[in-house]
Structures are given as C-alpha cells and as structure tokens.
Amino acid sequence: MPQLDTSTWFITIMSMIMTLFIVFQLKISKYLYPSDPESKPTTTLKQLNPWEKKWTKIYSPLSLPQQ
C-alpha cells in the first residue's frame, strides 16, 4: 500500500487561505459605509386612545368583595 504524499499540503492550504482572504477583502470593500451616521430626531407624537381619555379603575381580584 503506497504512502500518502503530504509534501504539497502546506502550500495548498496556505494558498487556499490566502485566496479566501483576498476574496473576502474584495467582497467587503464593495460595500459603502456611511462616514458619519447622524441620529434622526426622535419626536414622538402622543396620540390619545379612547381608553386614555377617561379615568378607569382596574380592580384586582384581591380587592373585590368576597362572594
């Protein structure tokens, strides 16, 4: 049974890693990132819901009279 020749494995693995690195760098460099992101003003408009216009009381079960 012949021996497996592993003499070229190092150069193959290193070239594969270099190629992947270059490909990923080229892919990442295509994106345009904003240089100075500015926060938008967060002004919230308060909308009154029908149940917020009147006073309501929430009864907890413990405060109800016993039956």
Protein backbone atom coordinates (compact mmCIF):
# COMPACT_ATOMS: atom_id res chain seq x y z
CA MET A 1 0.00 0.00 0.00
CA PRO A 2 1.62 3.30 -1.09
CA GLN A 3 2.28 6.14 1.29
CA LEU A 4 0.20 9.31 1.01
CA ASP A 5 2.35 12.17 -0.24
CA THR A 6 1.79 15.12 2.10
CA SER A 7 4.62 17.30 0.88
CA THR A 8 2.32 19.65 -1.07
CA TRP A 9 -0.32 20.02 1.63
CA PHE A 10 1.28 23.03 3.27
CA ILE A 11 1.46 25.10 0.10
CA THR A 12 -2.05 24.04 -0.89
CA ILE A 13 -3.56 25.03 2.46
CA MET A 14 -1.66 28.31 2.58
CA SER A 15 -2.69 29.28 -0.93
CA MET A 16 -6.30 28.43 -0.12
CA ILE A 17 -6.24 30.63 2.98
CA MET A 18 -4.68 33.50 1.04
CA THR A 19 -7.25 33.17 -1.72
CA LEU A 20 -10.13 33.17 0.74
CA PHE A 21 -8.72 36.21 2.48
CA ILE A 22 -8.39 38.13 -0.79
CA VAL A 23 -11.87 37.15 -1.95
CA PHE A 24 -13.43 38.27 1.35
CA GLN A 25 -11.49 41.53 1.28
CA LEU A 26 -12.74 42.26 -2.21
CA LYS A 27 -16.31 41.46 -1.22
CA ILE A 28 -16.18 43.64 1.88
CA SER A 29 -14.57 46.55 0.04
CA LYS A 30 -17.56 46.81 -2.31
CA TYR A 31 -19.88 48.00 0.46
CA LEU A 32 -20.30 51.71 1.02
CA TYR A 33 -20.49 52.56 4.69
CA PRO A 34 -21.70 55.97 5.83
CA SER A 35 -18.80 58.03 7.08
CA ASP A 36 -20.68 59.88 9.83
CA PRO A 37 -24.01 58.39 10.79
CA GLU A 38 -26.30 61.05 12.18
CA SER A 39 -29.06 60.26 14.59
CA LYS A 40 -32.51 61.25 13.48
CA PRO A 41 -34.53 63.38 15.85
CA THR A 42 -36.87 61.19 17.78
CA THR A 43 -40.01 63.22 18.25
CA THR A 44 -42.88 61.05 19.27
CA LEU A 45 -46.37 62.27 18.72
CA LYS A 46 -48.66 61.44 21.58
CA GLN A 47 -51.91 60.01 20.29
CA LEU A 48 -54.73 59.69 22.73
CA ASN A 49 -56.54 56.41 22.63
CA PRO A 50 -60.21 56.27 23.59
CA TRP A 51 -59.41 54.47 26.82
CA GLU A 52 -56.84 57.12 27.77
CA LYS A 53 -59.34 59.99 27.61
CA LYS A 54 -61.33 58.88 30.62
CA TRP A 55 -60.36 57.66 34.04
CA THR A 56 -60.64 53.95 34.50
CA LYS A 57 -60.15 51.88 37.60
CA ILE A 58 -58.65 48.44 37.45
CA TYR A 59 -59.89 46.11 40.13
CA SER A 60 -57.55 43.46 41.35
CA PRO A 61 -59.18 40.19 42.38
CA LEU A 62 -57.99 40.62 45.96
CA SER A 63 -59.72 43.96 46.42
CA LEU A 64 -63.12 42.72 45.23
CA PRO A 65 -65.69 41.88 47.86
CA GLN A 66 -65.92 38.25 48.75
CA GLN A 67 -68.86 36.36 47.40
